[in-house]
Amino acid sequence: MTKTVVAVLAAASTAALAAGCGSSNNNSSGSSSVDWAKVTHLTASGPDSMANLVKAAEKEGQLNVITLPSNWANYGNIMKDFTAKYHIHISDAIPEGSSGQELQAVETEKGQSRAPDVVDVGTAFAVEGASKGLWAPYEVQTWSDIPAIAKDTNGDYYADYGGYVAIGYNPAKVKVAPTSFKSLENPAYKNMIGLNNSPTTAGAAFAAVYAAALANGGSYSNILPGIEFFAKLKKEGNFVPTAIGGPSTVQNGTTPILIWWDYLLASEVKPVVPGFKIVIPSDASFASYYDQAISATAPDPAAARLWEEYLYSTTGQNLWLQGYARPIELSTLVANGTVDKTAYAALPPAPAGALTFPTQAQDATAENVVTQDWAKDVG
């Protein structure tokens, strides 16, 4: 899949939104008088309530999304359910595209009826879009359930789903189960280990190098040990840098061990490889999330906001979970007993402790190091 540009979630400020950041036109009466393009959150009743948002969105009858593959994080079922519930047609442009293409479409298709209403992008792209003024601030009703570290303080973008760097393996070809990055140095794994692509171009592979760094004495400020680790695996003959890992390479034995996001290993590899196993390495945990944002020039502003409300509802969050992705409000679902227990049990156990992420500056520095050193050190 080409939607591999997964930027590492940068830590956001923990300051709350200003109390006066409310929705516009509060003195209006009736949903038809509300300028939904300017609404920043819903009220309990009145013209900008959930009931009136539904009416306005159904009147628009259209939602333009972009780069949402149907087999990615259960988006196929999510879109079907949204349409069935609200009778709103969804157009999904370039399903196999990238986060960069999403931003480009928002900019180049501005003013057109087919322009994206909403995006689902890596955090680096969400930040870039915010800096360009592309997003409309909006707080969903469950805003307080999204960790402060996972949302923009202005409401421009907010984490939606993600997962951990994990090790997946085909037990039919891998007789000794890997449990950690350190364990991958076992000579039994000769010509077995792969990434989904080069870390210079694929966010998931970049995250794998970051996780390897954490397992080998590195830090968010020092990714070099991760590059050195893969260079060592290559020298030992375990790492196969020429292969683009995926379901077929795991199945045919080209890379029966694949380091990738846990939810993509579960949704894309596990269904085609009998007995496929997934483990989050015991010596490093590295998580990343995508982000939602509403276009400031969305042609269907009410439908865009209803889409976000749906995604961050219990239904939407559990549908992501059913696609093996970890929804950002998972801890709330577990705490209040509304989590889909079967889907939750299907996930690899998450590491203990709170989520932590590199800062934007640390992430940028790490990307530069990988760009400069990967090719010459690993190939």
Foldseek 3Di string as FASTA:
>chain_A
DQAQAAFFQFFADLDAADPPQAAPPQVDAALVPGPLLRGAEADCDGNRHPVSLLVLLLVVQEAEEEQAPCLALNVVVVQVVVCVVRVHDYDYYPNNYYQVVLLVQLVPCFPPQNGHQKYWHHNVSLVVCVVVVFFHAHAAPCNVLFRSRAAYNRRQKGFWWKFKWKKKAFCVQQVDDDAALVSLLPLSQAQAEEEQAALLNGVFNVLQLQQQQQLQVHDLQGSVNSLVSLLVCVVSRRYDRVDNDFQVCCQVRSHRMYTGGQLCCVRGNDVRRPPMDMYRHPRGIGMGTIMMGGTSRNSSSSSSSVSVNSCPDLNNQQSSLQSVIHTSSNVVCVVVVSHPVVSVVPHHDDDDDDDDTRHPVSSVVSSVCSVPPNVVSND
